[in-house]
Amino acid sequence: MAKYRRSSNKQPVVLQIIPELGPGGAEQGCIDVAAETVRAGGRALVVSNGGERVPEILRHKAEHIQMPVHSKNPLTMYMNIGRIRRLINQYQVDIVHVRSRAPAWSAYFACKGTPALFMTTCHAPYNIAGNLKRYYNSIMMKGERVIAISHHVAKYIQSNYPIDPERLRLVHRGIALEKFHPSMVSAERMITIANEWRIPDGAPVIMLPGRITRWKGHHILLQALHMLKRSDVFCVLVGSDQGRKEYRAELEQSIREKGLDGRVRIVNHCKDMPAAYMLSTVVVSASTDPEGFGRIPIEAQAMGRPVIGTDHGGAQETIIRGQTGWLVPPSDPKTLAIALKEALELTAEQRSTLAMRAMRNVADHFTREQMVGQTLDIYTELLEQKWGR
């Protein structure tokens, strides 16, 4: 990665703001960009309300500052304006890069009257339910640069908000191939996961990773499994319910009613997803609403696994229909069952061919290096714009 092209002797300082540092894709992108900023000769600051991944920020020699930027309380958001402005002045921040709406409102006003430039990443096609919600979302379009993580999100922005196309940039999410690659997963790691999940020996494994929330489509997969009528298949739903006890209880009842007891298991968030993918015969992303991007399909492809996604949103950009996976209509268990049957019946040669195509697709388009490189190019644009003044 090239160093920043400087028009000043000052070390570039980039402040990223994200509500919390949890397991999501936005959080991973924040960490990756902070690490690359440091490697490129800049100073990387991350403001969040904390979380389990703060040590990763520190390990990359970036700096973390805890602040209640997760809050949507108007008073807290107002107080955060002063807190962020003080950070801008204290650290001589050049760029404030925000990844969520509530902190974006605080950061936008904090940048006013300071030399800091404000930019955003739009991670999803936010719900528009009335003028108030539209106005709340609009803060993400006010950056001097606005990153969309997919063509789907870019189209949403352009269709719903007035924005100068010169300010909009497309940067797909990317993953670390040194982590998501079959050769990097040992047999011991796979055995550990198989024992934890009590997977029957030799059973074909269908896995749906994703937090336990209705729009992720777990109930659609259960209907498809019932239609599949394969008693030898084992299914794992991997993700935390994050307090959504009613939906989890509904899924557990559905498992019993459909006679899937002992063949479907709900497990909490997995900390070794590469090993989990390697255990899978088929990976499913059954989201009923369009994903802004969706990292599950690219992680599964990077591991050479057959993947079935819903035919909308980011999955249309990451899965090559008929070559690296299947795209099925949303909320259509019958078509999903047909795709599952086809994926489970692939011959060894067909699986190998699909795996090579899938891994090449990710290596060509969706790597961490591509994502951070394109993001730092945008930082460089802004720095040259600022220092050119």
Foldseek 3Di string as FASTA:
>chain_A
DEAFDAPDPDAAEEEEEDAEQEDDLVNVLLLLLCLVSVVNRHAYEYEYQYDDCPVSNVVSVHYYDHANQNDQPVVSLCVLLVVVLVVCVVVVHAEYEYEDQSNLVSPVNSCPPGNHFYAYEDFWLDDDDDDVSLVSVCSQQPGQAYEQQAVLNVVSCVVRHDHDPVRYHYFHAFAALCQLEQVNDDPVVLVVVCVVQVPDPPAAEEEEEDAQDPQQPPVLQLVLVLVLPDPRHAYEYEAHNVPVVVSVVVSVVSCVVSVVPPRYYYYHHDPRVSSVLVSHLEYERQGQDAGSADCVQLSNLLHLHAYEYADDHNVVVQADDPQQYHHHHHSDSNVVSVRVVVSNPDDPVRSVRNSVRSSVSNVVGHHSCRNSVVVVVVVSVSSCVSSVD
